[in-house]
Protein backbone atom coordinates (compact mmCIF):
# COMPACT_ATOMS: atom_id res chain seq x y z
CA MET A 1 24.47 -12.84 39.41
CA SER A 2 22.85 -16.25 39.85
CA LYS A 3 23.83 -19.43 37.99
CA GLY A 4 21.92 -22.67 37.77
CA THR A 5 21.05 -25.56 35.47
CA VAL A 6 18.00 -26.60 33.46
CA LYS A 7 15.78 -29.13 35.24
CA LYS A 8 12.85 -29.38 32.81
CA VAL A 9 11.88 -28.01 29.39
CA ALA A 10 8.23 -27.60 28.31
CA GLY A 11 8.08 -25.61 25.09
CA PRO A 12 8.94 -21.98 25.84
CA LEU A 13 8.86 -22.70 29.60
CA VAL A 14 12.13 -23.82 31.20
CA VAL A 15 12.44 -24.75 34.89
CA ALA A 16 15.94 -24.12 36.29
CA GLU A 17 17.35 -25.22 39.65
CA GLY A 18 20.06 -23.64 41.77
CA MET A 19 18.77 -20.08 41.19
CA HIS A 20 19.15 -18.97 44.84
CA ASN A 21 19.95 -15.30 44.24
CA ALA A 22 17.69 -14.71 41.24
CA ASN A 23 14.80 -12.23 41.30
CA MET A 24 11.41 -12.14 39.60
CA PHE A 25 11.54 -10.77 36.02
CA ASP A 26 15.35 -11.05 35.81
CA VAL A 27 16.61 -11.62 32.28
CA VAL A 28 18.51 -14.90 31.96
CA ARG A 29 20.61 -16.66 29.33
CA VAL A 30 19.76 -20.34 28.86
CA GLY A 31 21.94 -23.12 27.42
CA GLU A 32 25.13 -23.04 25.40
CA GLN A 33 23.40 -20.93 22.76
CA ARG A 34 22.56 -18.31 25.42
CA LEU A 35 18.85 -18.13 24.61
CA ILE A 36 17.23 -15.05 26.12
CA GLY A 37 14.50 -15.56 28.73
CA GLU A 38 12.80 -13.97 31.73
CA ILE A 39 12.02 -15.39 35.17
CA ILE A 40 8.26 -15.41 35.73
CA GLU A 41 7.95 -17.61 38.83
CA ILE A 42 10.23 -18.56 41.75
CA HIS A 43 9.79 -21.35 44.32
CA GLY A 44 12.85 -21.68 46.56
CA ASP A 45 15.81 -22.29 44.24
CA LEU A 46 13.53 -23.32 41.33
CA ALA A 47 12.89 -20.61 38.74
CA SER A 48 10.35 -20.85 35.90
CA ILE A 49 11.76 -19.07 32.85
CA GLN A 50 9.79 -17.75 29.90
CA VAL A 51 12.19 -18.22 26.95
CA TYR A 52 11.74 -15.82 24.05
CA GLU A 53 13.36 -18.14 21.49
CA GLU A 54 12.88 -21.65 20.14
CA THR A 55 13.93 -24.17 22.84
CA SER A 56 14.28 -27.32 20.69
CA GLY A 57 17.48 -29.23 21.53
CA LEU A 58 17.63 -27.79 25.04
CA GLY A 59 17.81 -30.45 27.76
CA PRO A 60 18.32 -30.96 31.50
CA GLY A 61 21.71 -29.92 32.83
CA ALA A 62 22.18 -27.01 30.41
CA PRO A 63 23.63 -23.90 32.10
CA VAL A 64 21.40 -20.99 33.12
CA GLU A 65 22.85 -17.60 33.97
CA SER A 66 20.93 -14.61 35.35
CA THR A 67 21.98 -11.11 34.27
CA GLY A 68 20.56 -9.64 37.49
CA GLU A 69 18.58 -7.04 35.53
CA PRO A 70 14.91 -6.96 34.47
CA LEU A 71 13.92 -6.97 30.78
CA SER A 72 14.75 -3.42 29.69
CA VAL A 73 14.78 -1.34 26.52
CA GLU A 74 17.56 0.90 25.28
CA LEU A 75 16.27 4.44 24.83
CA GLY A 76 18.24 6.94 22.78
CA PRO A 77 18.97 8.17 19.22
CA GLY A 78 18.47 5.43 16.64
CA LEU A 79 15.00 4.31 17.72
CA ILE A 80 13.14 6.22 15.00
CA SER A 81 12.92 4.39 11.62
CA SER A 82 14.11 1.17 13.29
CA ILE A 83 12.44 -2.22 13.03
CA PHE A 84 12.74 -4.34 16.19
CA ASP A 85 11.43 -7.76 17.15
CA GLY A 86 9.36 -8.33 20.30
CA ILE A 87 12.35 -8.01 22.66
CA GLN A 88 13.98 -5.02 20.90
CA ARG A 89 16.50 -6.87 18.77
CA PRO A 90 17.24 -4.76 15.64
CA LEU A 91 16.09 -6.90 12.71
CA VAL A 92 17.89 -4.89 10.01
CA ASP A 93 21.23 -5.07 11.87
CA ILE A 94 20.75 -8.82 12.45
CA MET A 95 20.04 -9.35 8.73
CA GLU A 96 23.20 -7.44 7.78
CA ALA A 97 25.23 -9.48 10.28
CA ILE A 98 24.01 -13.05 9.63
CA GLY A 99 21.59 -12.96 6.69
CA THR A 100 17.83 -13.48 6.45
CA ASN A 101 17.59 -16.47 8.85
CA LEU A 102 17.41 -15.41 12.50
CA GLN A 103 19.82 -17.47 14.61
CA ARG A 104 19.05 -18.41 18.18
CA GLY A 105 20.92 -16.66 20.95
CA ILE A 106 22.22 -13.86 18.74
CA GLU A 107 23.32 -10.81 20.74
CA ILE A 108 23.23 -7.54 18.84
CA PRO A 109 22.51 -4.33 20.79
CA ALA A 110 19.26 -2.51 20.01
CA LEU A 111 21.01 0.81 19.36
CA ASN A 112 24.02 1.01 17.05
CA ARG A 113 27.20 1.40 19.10
CA GLU A 114 29.35 2.75 16.24
CA LYS A 115 27.12 5.42 14.74
CA LYS A 116 27.88 8.98 15.85
CA TRP A 117 25.20 11.57 16.55
CA HIS A 118 25.70 15.32 16.67
CA PHE A 119 24.78 16.51 20.15
CA VAL A 120 23.88 20.19 20.72
CA PRO A 121 23.66 21.26 24.42
CA CYS A 122 20.84 23.57 25.46
CA ILE A 123 22.17 24.32 28.98
CA ASP A 124 25.51 25.64 30.27
CA GLU A 125 28.04 24.20 32.68
CA GLY A 126 27.08 24.91 36.26
CA ALA A 127 23.34 24.63 35.61
CA GLU A 128 21.22 22.93 38.27
CA VAL A 129 19.21 20.06 36.73
CA GLU A 130 16.83 17.34 37.87
CA ALA A 131 15.38 14.15 36.37
CA GLY A 132 13.51 14.87 33.14
CA ASP A 133 15.29 18.17 32.32
CA ILE A 134 16.40 18.46 28.69
CA ILE A 135 20.15 19.07 28.50
CA GLY A 136 20.52 18.98 24.70
CA THR A 137 19.20 17.69 21.38
CA VAL A 138 20.14 15.34 18.56
CA LYS A 139 18.63 15.70 15.08
CA GLU A 140 17.56 12.06 14.65
CA THR A 141 15.62 12.41 11.37
CA ASP A 142 14.29 15.33 9.34
CA LEU A 143 11.03 15.05 11.30
CA VAL A 144 12.21 14.23 14.83
CA VAL A 145 14.47 16.17 17.17
CA HIS A 146 15.58 13.73 19.87
CA LYS A 147 15.67 15.49 23.25
CA ILE A 148 18.29 14.16 25.65
CA MET A 149 16.88 14.13 29.20
CA VAL A 150 18.50 13.74 32.61
CA PRO A 151 17.86 10.09 33.60
CA TYR A 152 15.35 9.30 36.34
CA GLY A 153 16.81 9.47 39.85
CA LEU A 154 19.54 12.01 39.09
CA LYS A 155 19.67 15.58 40.37
CA GLY A 156 22.53 18.04 40.76
CA LYS A 157 24.88 20.41 38.93
CA ILE A 158 26.29 19.99 35.43
CA LYS A 159 30.09 19.99 35.78
CA SER A 160 30.86 19.58 32.07
CA ILE A 161 28.89 19.43 28.82
CA LYS A 162 30.16 19.89 25.27
CA GLU A 163 28.79 19.94 21.73
CA GLY A 164 30.16 17.27 19.41
CA ASP A 165 29.70 13.92 17.70
CA TYR A 166 29.12 11.03 20.09
CA THR A 167 28.10 7.38 20.05
CA VAL A 168 25.22 6.35 22.35
CA LEU A 169 27.73 5.15 24.99
CA ASP A 170 30.01 8.23 25.00
CA THR A 171 29.78 10.63 27.94
CA ILE A 172 28.13 13.88 26.81
CA ALA A 173 27.90 15.49 30.24
CA VAL A 174 29.06 14.97 33.81
CA LEU A 175 26.61 15.63 36.63
CA GLU A 176 27.62 16.18 40.24
CA THR A 177 24.92 15.01 42.65
CA GLU A 178 24.07 16.63 45.98
CA ALA A 179 26.19 13.90 47.62
CA LYS A 180 29.18 15.10 45.52
CA GLU A 181 29.14 11.93 43.37
CA LYS A 182 30.04 12.33 39.71
CA LYS A 183 27.60 10.68 37.25
CA ASN A 184 28.27 10.34 33.53
CA ILE A 185 25.32 11.07 31.25
CA THR A 186 25.24 9.37 27.83
CA LEU A 187 22.88 9.68 24.87
CA MET A 188 21.32 6.34 25.86
CA GLN A 189 19.42 5.28 28.97
CA LYS A 190 17.70 2.01 29.90
CA TRP A 191 14.26 1.44 31.36
CA PRO A 192 12.54 -1.80 32.57
CA VAL A 193 9.61 -2.50 30.26
CA ARG A 194 7.14 -3.68 32.89
CA ARG A 195 7.29 -0.42 34.85
CA GLY A 196 5.59 2.73 33.57
CA ARG A 197 7.83 5.78 33.22
CA PRO A 198 7.04 8.39 35.89
CA TYR A 199 5.52 11.82 35.28
CA LYS A 200 4.54 14.86 37.35
CA GLN A 201 0.82 15.03 36.70
CA LYS A 202 -1.85 13.33 34.60
CA LEU A 203 -4.12 15.75 32.75
CA SER A 204 -7.77 15.42 31.81
CA PRO A 205 -8.17 14.04 28.25
CA ASP A 206 -10.14 16.99 26.84
CA LYS A 207 -8.49 17.53 23.42
CA PRO A 208 -9.27 15.24 20.47
CA LEU A 209 -6.71 13.21 18.57
CA VAL A 210 -7.76 14.36 15.09
CA THR A 211 -7.56 11.46 12.63
CA GLY A 212 -9.22 12.85 9.48
CA GLN A 213 -11.57 9.84 9.44
CA ARG A 214 -15.12 11.25 9.53
CA VAL A 215 -16.84 8.39 11.36
CA ILE A 216 -14.17 8.63 14.09
CA ASP A 217 -13.74 12.39 14.48
CA THR A 218 -17.42 13.28 14.21
CA LEU A 219 -19.25 10.39 15.84
CA PHE A 220 -16.74 8.49 18.02
CA PRO A 221 -13.70 10.72 18.73
CA ILE A 222 -10.69 9.65 20.77
CA ALA A 223 -8.94 12.12 23.07
CA LYS A 224 -5.21 12.80 23.00
CA GLY A 225 -3.89 10.48 25.66
CA GLY A 226 -6.99 8.30 25.28
CA VAL A 227 -7.45 4.58 24.70
CA ALA A 228 -9.53 2.90 22.00
CA ALA A 229 -10.32 -0.67 21.02
CA VAL A 230 -10.91 -1.83 17.44
CA PRO A 231 -12.50 -5.28 17.65
CA GLY A 232 -13.72 -7.10 14.60
CA PRO A 233 -13.78 -10.47 12.82
CA PHE A 234 -11.22 -11.57 10.26
CA GLY A 235 -11.25 -9.40 7.12
CA SER A 236 -13.24 -6.51 8.62
CA GLY A 237 -10.39 -4.00 8.33
CA LYS A 238 -8.67 -3.71 11.74
CA THR A 239 -5.18 -3.46 10.25
CA VAL A 240 -6.31 -1.04 7.51
CA VAL A 241 -7.93 1.27 10.10
CA GLN A 242 -4.71 1.24 12.14
CA HIS A 243 -2.65 2.01 9.00
CA GLN A 244 -4.90 5.01 8.28
CA LEU A 245 -4.58 6.25 11.85
CA ALA A 246 -0.81 5.77 11.83
CA LYS A 247 -0.56 7.89 8.69
CA TRP A 248 -3.11 10.62 9.40
CA ALA A 249 -3.60 10.94 13.17
CA ASP A 250 -2.43 14.19 14.70
CA ALA A 251 0.60 12.58 16.40
CA ASP A 252 4.30 13.47 16.24
CA ILE A 253 5.54 9.89 16.74
CA VAL A 254 3.95 6.55 15.77
CA VAL A 255 4.85 3.27 17.48
CA TYR A 256 3.37 0.29 15.62
CA ILE A 257 3.42 -3.11 17.36
CA GLY A 258 2.67 -6.15 15.25
CA CYS A 259 1.91 -8.41 18.20
CA GLY A 260 1.58 -11.92 16.86
CA GLU A 261 -0.21 -11.04 13.62
CA ARG A 262 0.26 -13.11 10.46
CA GLY A 263 3.61 -12.65 8.74
CA ASN A 264 2.06 -11.34 5.51
CA GLU A 265 0.30 -8.50 7.38
CA MET A 266 3.54 -7.44 9.07
CA THR A 267 5.32 -7.70 5.71
CA ASP A 268 2.76 -5.28 4.26
CA VAL A 269 3.54 -2.83 7.08
CA LEU A 270 7.30 -3.16 6.54
CA ASN A 271 6.91 -2.64 2.78
CA GLU A 272 4.30 0.13 2.87
CA PHE A 273 5.42 2.36 5.72
CA PRO A 274 8.76 3.40 4.12
CA GLU A 275 6.84 4.32 0.94
CA LEU A 276 4.07 6.24 2.69
CA LYS A 277 4.56 9.99 2.68
CA ASP A 278 4.03 12.01 5.85
CA PRO A 279 1.13 14.32 4.87
CA LYS A 280 2.52 17.28 6.83
CA THR A 281 6.05 17.27 5.40
CA GLY A 282 6.11 15.00 2.35
CA LYS A 283 8.93 12.93 3.91
CA SER A 284 8.77 9.17 4.49
CA LEU A 285 6.42 8.19 7.31
CA MET A 286 9.21 5.98 8.71
CA GLU A 287 11.06 9.16 9.74
CA ARG A 288 8.68 9.42 12.72
CA THR A 289 7.83 5.73 13.20
CA VAL A 290 9.14 2.86 15.33
CA LEU A 291 8.09 -0.66 14.27
CA ILE A 292 7.94 -3.70 16.56
CA ALA A 293 7.58 -6.78 14.33
CA ASN A 294 6.55 -9.89 16.22
CA THR A 295 4.63 -12.25 13.95
CA SER A 296 2.62 -15.37 14.70
CA ASP A 297 5.41 -17.75 13.59
CA MET A 298 7.85 -16.31 16.14
CA PRO A 299 8.02 -17.91 19.63
CA VAL A 300 4.72 -17.28 21.39
CA ALA A 301 6.33 -16.00 24.59
CA ALA A 302 7.89 -13.00 22.81
CA ARG A 303 4.40 -11.68 22.03
CA GLU A 304 3.90 -11.08 25.73
CA ALA A 305 6.98 -8.83 25.93
CA SER A 306 6.38 -6.98 22.65
CA ILE A 307 3.59 -4.65 23.82
CA TYR A 308 5.59 -3.67 26.92
CA VAL A 309 8.64 -2.91 24.78
CA GLY A 310 6.49 -0.79 22.45
CA ILE A 311 4.71 1.19 25.15
CA THR A 312 7.97 1.92 27.02
CA ILE A 313 9.48 3.40 23.84
CA ALA A 314 6.25 5.40 23.36
CA GLU A 315 6.41 6.73 26.95
CA TYR A 316 10.01 7.84 26.36
CA PHE A 317 8.97 10.06 23.43
CA ARG A 318 5.93 11.25 25.39
CA ASP A 319 8.31 12.45 28.11
CA MET A 320 10.06 14.63 25.51
CA GLY A 321 6.78 16.51 25.05
CA TYR A 322 5.62 14.73 21.89
CA SER A 323 2.16 13.45 21.06
CA VAL A 324 2.59 9.70 20.48
CA ALA A 325 0.13 7.26 18.91
CA LEU A 326 0.66 3.58 19.68
CA MET A 327 -1.02 0.89 17.57
CA ALA A 328 -1.14 -2.65 19.01
CA ASP A 329 -2.19 -5.25 16.44
CA SER A 330 -3.52 -7.31 18.10
CA THR A 331 -3.94 -7.69 21.85
CA SER A 332 -5.78 -11.01 21.29
CA ARG A 333 -2.49 -12.60 20.18
CA TRP A 334 -0.80 -11.15 23.27
CA ALA A 335 -3.54 -12.67 25.46
CA GLU A 336 -2.98 -16.03 23.75
CA ALA A 337 0.67 -15.87 24.84
CA LEU A 338 -0.49 -15.21 28.42
CA ARG A 339 -2.85 -18.19 28.17
CA GLU A 340 -0.11 -20.52 26.94
CA MET A 341 2.39 -19.52 29.62
CA SER A 342 -0.31 -19.69 32.32
CA GLY A 343 -1.21 -23.19 31.18
CA ARG A 344 2.39 -24.35 31.27
CA LEU A 345 2.75 -22.93 34.79
CA GLU A 346 -0.34 -25.02 35.70
CA GLU A 347 -2.18 -21.99 37.08
CA MET A 348 -5.91 -22.11 37.76
CA PRO A 349 -7.54 -21.14 34.43
CA GLY A 350 -10.25 -18.52 34.08
CA GLU A 351 -12.85 -18.21 31.34
CA GLU A 352 -11.96 -20.05 28.09
CA GLY A 353 -8.58 -21.03 29.56
CA TYR A 354 -7.26 -17.48 29.85
CA PRO A 355 -5.51 -16.70 33.16
CA ALA A 356 -7.67 -15.21 35.92
CA TYR A 357 -5.48 -12.08 35.88
CA LEU A 358 -6.14 -11.30 32.19
CA ALA A 359 -8.23 -8.19 32.94
CA SER A 360 -5.68 -6.73 35.36
CA ARG A 361 -2.81 -7.26 32.89
CA LEU A 362 -4.81 -5.52 30.17
CA ALA A 363 -5.61 -2.65 32.54
CA GLN A 364 -1.93 -2.29 33.49
CA PHE A 365 -1.09 -1.91 29.79
CA TYR A 366 -3.84 0.56 28.84
CA GLU A 367 -3.46 2.73 31.95
CA ARG A 368 0.02 3.70 30.76
CA ALA A 369 -1.67 5.90 28.15
CA GLY A 370 -2.52 9.49 29.04
CA ARG A 371 -1.86 13.19 28.58
CA VAL A 372 0.73 14.18 31.18
CA ILE A 373 3.06 16.88 32.47
CA SER A 374 6.51 15.28 32.21
CA LEU A 375 9.23 15.31 34.85
CA GLY A 376 11.59 18.28 34.79
CA LYS A 377 11.44 21.98 35.59
CA GLU A 378 10.11 22.88 32.14
CA GLY A 379 6.71 21.21 32.69
CA ARG A 380 6.40 19.77 29.16
CA GLU A 381 3.04 18.38 28.10
CA GLY A 382 3.10 15.06 26.27
CA ALA A 383 0.42 12.60 25.25
CA LEU A 384 0.36 8.85 24.61
CA SER A 385 -2.76 7.54 22.86
CA VAL A 386 -3.21 3.77 22.58
CA ILE A 387 -5.33 2.08 19.88
CA GLY A 388 -5.53 -1.66 20.37
CA ALA A 389 -6.97 -4.05 17.80
CA VAL A 390 -8.79 -7.10 19.16
CA SER A 391 -9.32 -10.23 17.04
CA PRO A 392 -12.14 -12.23 18.68
CA PRO A 393 -12.48 -15.75 17.22
CA GLY A 394 -15.36 -15.75 14.75
CA GLY A 395 -16.11 -12.12 15.54
CA ASP A 396 -17.66 -13.13 18.89
CA LEU A 397 -17.49 -9.96 21.00
CA SER A 398 -18.61 -11.84 24.13
CA GLU A 399 -15.25 -13.63 24.44
CA PRO A 400 -13.00 -12.75 27.43
CA VAL A 401 -10.33 -10.56 25.76
CA THR A 402 -12.89 -8.28 24.09
CA GLN A 403 -15.02 -8.01 27.22
CA ALA A 404 -12.02 -7.29 29.47
CA THR A 405 -10.84 -4.63 27.00
CA LEU A 406 -14.26 -2.96 26.80
CA ARG A 407 -14.35 -2.58 30.58
CA ILE A 408 -11.13 -0.53 30.36
CA VAL A 409 -11.20 1.56 27.19
CA LYS A 410 -13.33 4.66 26.62
CA VAL A 411 -13.73 4.30 22.83
CA PHE A 412 -15.16 1.28 21.01
CA TRP A 413 -14.94 1.20 17.21
CA GLY A 414 -16.85 -1.99 16.42
CA LEU A 415 -15.96 -3.29 12.96
CA ASP A 416 -18.70 -4.99 10.96
CA SER A 417 -17.89 -7.69 8.41
CA ASN A 418 -21.13 -6.93 6.50
CA LEU A 419 -20.00 -3.32 5.98
CA ALA A 420 -16.53 -4.55 4.96
CA TYR A 421 -18.01 -6.95 2.38
CA ARG A 422 -20.05 -4.02 0.98
CA ARG A 423 -16.73 -2.13 0.54
CA HIS A 424 -17.81 0.44 3.13
CA PHE A 425 -14.60 1.86 4.63
CA PRO A 426 -14.04 2.40 7.50
CA ALA A 427 -16.30 -0.54 8.38
CA ILE A 428 -17.11 0.92 11.82
CA ASN A 429 -20.68 0.08 12.82
CA TRP A 430 -22.31 3.35 13.92
CA LEU A 431 -25.06 1.56 15.87
CA THR A 432 -22.76 -0.45 18.17
CA SER A 433 -19.72 1.87 18.52
CA TYR A 434 -19.35 4.57 21.15
CA SER A 435 -16.98 7.16 22.66
CA LEU A 436 -17.13 8.14 26.32
CA TYR A 437 -14.82 11.15 25.95
CA ASP A 438 -16.67 14.45 26.39
CA LEU A 439 -15.07 16.49 23.61
CA GLY A 440 -18.15 18.45 22.52
CA LYS A 441 -16.98 21.69 24.17
CA TRP A 442 -13.67 21.56 22.31
CA PHE A 443 -15.36 20.97 18.93
CA ASN A 444 -17.92 23.72 19.57
CA ALA A 445 -15.21 26.19 20.55
CA ASN A 446 -12.62 25.28 17.88
CA VAL A 447 -14.65 24.18 14.84
CA ASN A 448 -18.25 25.41 14.98
CA GLY A 449 -20.76 26.15 17.76
CA LYS A 450 -23.31 23.81 16.13
CA TRP A 451 -20.96 20.78 16.00
CA THR A 452 -22.49 18.87 18.94
CA GLU A 453 -26.06 19.65 17.86
CA ASN A 454 -25.43 18.47 14.29
CA LYS A 455 -23.64 15.33 15.49
CA GLY A 456 -26.65 14.47 17.70
CA ARG A 457 -29.03 14.94 14.78
CA LEU A 458 -26.86 12.73 12.56
CA MET A 459 -26.94 9.92 15.11
CA LYS A 460 -30.72 10.28 15.57
CA LEU A 461 -31.32 9.93 11.81
CA LEU A 462 -29.11 6.81 11.70
CA ASN A 463 -30.95 5.26 14.67
CA ASP A 464 -34.34 6.14 13.13
CA GLU A 465 -33.22 4.50 9.88
CA ALA A 466 -32.46 1.23 11.71
CA GLU A 467 -35.98 1.21 13.20
CA LEU A 468 -37.66 2.12 9.90
CA GLU A 469 -35.75 -0.60 8.01
CA GLU A 470 -37.37 -3.19 10.28
CA ILE A 471 -40.81 -1.85 9.26
CA VAL A 472 -39.82 -1.83 5.55
CA LYS A 473 -38.80 -5.51 5.80
CA LEU A 474 -42.22 -6.35 7.21
CA VAL A 475 -44.62 -4.24 5.15
CA GLY A 476 -42.59 -2.67 2.33
CA MET A 477 -41.45 0.86 1.46
CA ASP A 478 -44.89 1.96 0.19
CA ALA A 479 -46.35 1.69 3.69
CA LEU A 480 -44.08 4.47 5.00
CA SER A 481 -45.24 8.08 5.24
CA ALA A 482 -43.46 10.79 3.25
CA PRO A 483 -41.57 12.16 6.34
CA ASP A 484 -40.31 8.65 7.13
CA ARG A 485 -39.18 8.07 3.54
CA LEU A 486 -37.34 11.38 3.68
CA LYS A 487 -35.61 10.23 6.88
CA LEU A 488 -34.42 7.09 5.08
CA GLU A 489 -33.08 9.19 2.19
CA ALA A 490 -31.25 11.53 4.60
CA ALA A 491 -29.78 8.54 6.46
CA ARG A 492 -28.64 6.99 3.16
CA SER A 493 -26.89 10.24 2.35
CA ILE A 494 -25.16 10.17 5.77
CA ARG A 495 -24.01 6.59 5.19
CA GLU A 496 -22.87 6.90 1.59
CA ASP A 497 -21.73 10.52 1.41
CA PHE A 498 -20.48 11.19 4.95
CA LEU A 499 -19.48 7.95 6.68
CA HIS A 500 -18.05 6.17 3.63
CA GLN A 501 -14.49 7.29 2.91
CA ASP A 502 -12.13 6.44 0.04
CA ALA A 503 -8.69 5.70 1.51
CA PHE A 504 -7.09 5.85 -1.95
CA HIS A 505 -8.50 9.23 -3.03
CA GLU A 506 -6.08 12.07 -2.28
CA ASP A 507 -8.85 14.46 -1.17
CA ASP A 508 -11.06 11.94 0.62
CA THR A 509 -8.49 9.87 2.54
CA TYR A 510 -8.15 12.72 5.06
CA THR A 511 -10.93 15.21 5.90
CA SER A 512 -10.22 18.32 7.96
CA LEU A 513 -12.59 19.14 10.83
CA GLU A 514 -13.91 22.20 8.96
CA LYS A 515 -14.73 20.09 5.90
CA GLN A 516 -16.35 17.42 8.10
CA PHE A 517 -18.64 20.05 9.63
CA LEU A 518 -19.61 21.57 6.25
CA LEU A 519 -20.40 18.14 4.75
CA MET A 520 -22.44 17.23 7.84
CA ASP A 521 -24.24 20.57 7.57
CA LEU A 522 -25.04 20.09 3.85
CA VAL A 523 -26.68 16.70 4.49
CA LEU A 524 -28.78 18.16 7.32
CA LYS A 525 -29.67 21.29 5.31
CA PHE A 526 -31.05 19.05 2.53
CA TYR A 527 -33.15 17.20 5.14
CA ASP A 528 -34.38 20.41 6.84
CA ILE A 529 -35.30 22.31 3.66
CA SER A 530 -36.96 19.21 2.20
CA SER A 531 -38.97 18.65 5.43
CA GLU A 532 -40.24 22.25 5.35
CA ASN A 533 -41.55 21.80 1.79
CA LEU A 534 -42.70 18.18 2.00
CA ASN A 535 -46.37 19.18 1.97
CA LYS A 536 -45.83 21.05 -1.33
CA ILE A 537 -43.53 18.60 -3.17
CA SER A 538 -43.70 14.84 -3.72
CA ILE A 539 -41.01 12.75 -2.03
CA ASP A 540 -40.10 11.12 -5.39
CA ASP A 541 -39.17 14.52 -6.85
CA LEU A 542 -37.07 15.39 -3.81
CA VAL A 543 -35.09 12.16 -4.07
CA LYS A 544 -34.18 12.91 -7.69
CA LEU A 545 -32.91 16.47 -7.13
CA PRO A 546 -29.64 17.00 -9.11
CA VAL A 547 -28.07 18.81 -6.12
CA ARG A 548 -27.94 15.51 -4.18
CA GLU A 549 -25.13 14.19 -6.37
CA ARG A 550 -23.23 17.42 -5.79
CA ILE A 551 -23.64 17.00 -2.01
CA GLY A 552 -22.28 13.46 -2.35
CA ARG A 553 -19.25 14.67 -4.28
CA PHE A 554 -18.44 17.44 -1.77
CA LYS A 555 -16.01 15.09 0.01
CA TYR A 556 -13.79 15.09 -3.11
CA VAL A 557 -13.50 18.89 -3.22
CA LYS A 558 -10.00 20.38 -2.73
CA LYS A 559 -9.46 21.94 0.70
CA ASP A 560 -9.00 25.48 -0.64
CA MET A 561 -12.37 25.27 -2.47
CA ILE A 562 -14.62 23.88 0.28
CA LYS A 563 -16.21 27.16 1.49
CA LYS A 564 -17.01 28.36 -2.02
CA GLU A 565 -18.42 24.96 -3.03
CA TYR A 566 -20.47 24.77 0.20
CA GLU A 567 -22.12 28.14 -0.58
CA ASN A 568 -22.71 27.16 -4.23
CA ILE A 569 -24.39 23.87 -3.21
CA LEU A 570 -26.65 25.64 -0.71
CA GLU A 571 -27.63 28.16 -3.37
CA GLN A 572 -28.40 25.36 -5.85
CA LEU A 573 -30.40 23.44 -3.21
CA ASN A 574 -32.61 26.44 -2.41
CA LYS A 575 -33.04 27.20 -6.12
CA GLU A 576 -34.08 23.63 -7.05
CA ILE A 577 -36.54 23.37 -4.12
CA LYS A 578 -38.05 26.73 -5.08
CA GLU A 579 -38.47 25.62 -8.72
CA LEU A 580 -40.13 22.37 -7.60
CA VAL A 581 -42.57 24.25 -5.34
CA GLN A 582 -43.50 26.60 -8.20
CA ARG A 583 -43.94 23.70 -10.63
CA GLU A 584 -46.08 21.68 -8.20
CA GLY A 585 -48.13 24.80 -7.41
CA ALA A 586 -48.77 25.45 -11.10
C-alpha cells in the first residue's frame, strides 16, 4: 500500500507525490474526506489521479492512500433491482443512511452485507470443479435465479458445501486446490472493471435479438451478442428507443447505464422502470434490471468509469448463461469525460479536442459484447448485446465520436429529427440505417421462407419512393405514370402501416415475427395484385379501396386473431379488385 500527499489539484485531476509503490489504475483515497479516485498516469513518484467526486476544498499536502487494488465491482446476489452510481455505490442504501444529499467520501458497500440469501447447492462434496462451474443457486428475484460460479483462477475438489442462509461474505463452500490449499468460496466475487471477463469460445452472431420493433427486426436486425449504435440529434428519440428495447428485447437481463445524461431523463428511467411490467411474466421489469445512474451534474470523471462498471456486471450474468442486453445512454457523454481528463493531463489532442486514443477506447468497450461459451465444464452459452446511444452536437454525424463508433458497430439505427417531429416512432431513417449481420437464413428457416425476399422488396419500394419524390417536387404528381403512382402508394403504406409503431398501444407496442411477416406480406400483396390489374383499373380507384384501411389496422389485431384476419383481408382484397375490374369492363 502506497501513501503520498497532494501536490496539485486541477478539477477532478489530482497530482500526488510520494507514490513510489503505486500501480496504474489503483484505487486511491484522497484527502481527509477519503474521496475515491483512480491512478491514470505515473511519472516516477508522481501519480495523476482521476477523482470520482467533487474536489473543492482539497489542497496541497492532503494525504493520499492507495488501496493497492484496481477499480473493481462486487458481483453477487443483490445486483438485480439495484440502482448504482457510476462507481457502483448503492444509491438507495446511501439515501437510507444519510438522506437525499450525497456526501463526499461516503463508503457504503455495493452489496448489502447484512441481508441473507438462501443458497441451494447443485453439486456434492468431493466433486471436482474448475473456474466457471456452477456450484449452487440463489433465487434473487421471481425472474432471476442467480448462479454461483467458481471464481476465475480456482480449480480443485469441493471439501465442504451446505445449503442454508448466508450473507454475501459468508463461506458457502471450501475448495481444495491441486496444491492442497484450502480456498473459501463466498456468494460474492470481485472483478476489475477495465478487464473483460474470460470465456472459452466466441460464437458467430447468427441468431437475432428479437425486439418486437418492426423497423428493427425486419429491416435492420441486431444479432444476439451484437453491437448497435443509435445516433441522433436532441429530441429524436434515442432514450425512448432504448426504453422500448429494454422492455421488449428478447433478453433475460437488462443493464441500463445512464452515462452522463440529463438528470430528468435518468429520473424518468428510475420512476418508470419499477412500474413497467415484464411482458413475459407480468412482474416488475426491475426484477431483471440493473440500473447505473450517472447524470450530467455528477463529477465528469465518474462517467468514464460508469460504462466499464455496467459492462462488467453484464458479463457476469452472461457467464451464467443468460442473454443480456446493455443500454449505454450515451457514449458521447463518456467521450466528453475522456476529453476533459485528456486535456487536464495535457495530452496531444486529436480531432475536436478528443484524445487520439478515442477510437481504441470505444473499440475496447464494444468488443466485450458477444455470444460466447462460458468457462466451466458445462459449456453454457451466454450472450451480451450492446446498444449504445450517441448524441452528436447538432445532429452532426460527421463528428469524431459518431464516426469512431460507426467503424466498430455492425448496426446503425440513424434517428431522424424530421420523422420525430412528424410523430413517426421509432424515428429510424430507413434510407440511412443499415445492419451488417447476415440473419436472413435464420428468418427464412424460423419464420417464413419468403422473409428475405419480402424484406428486399420492401427496401426497394422505399428507395424508389425517395427517387420518385424528387421528380414529384420538380414536375408534380400528375407527371408520374400509373405504375410509379402505385409505387408511391405502396411505399406510403409501408411507412404508415408497417414502419410506424404506437408504443402506447397494447397490441402495437410489440409485434411478433409472425405478425411482422404477415403485415409485410399484406402490403406487398396489395401492390402485386394492383400491379397485375393496373391496365384494367384506374389508379385513383385503387387508392380508395376500402381494404386499404383494414390493411393499415392489421397491426392492432390481437395475436390470436392474426392468421384469420390475414386470410379475411386477402379475400376482401381479391373481391374488391375483381369488382373494380368488372365495373371498369362494363
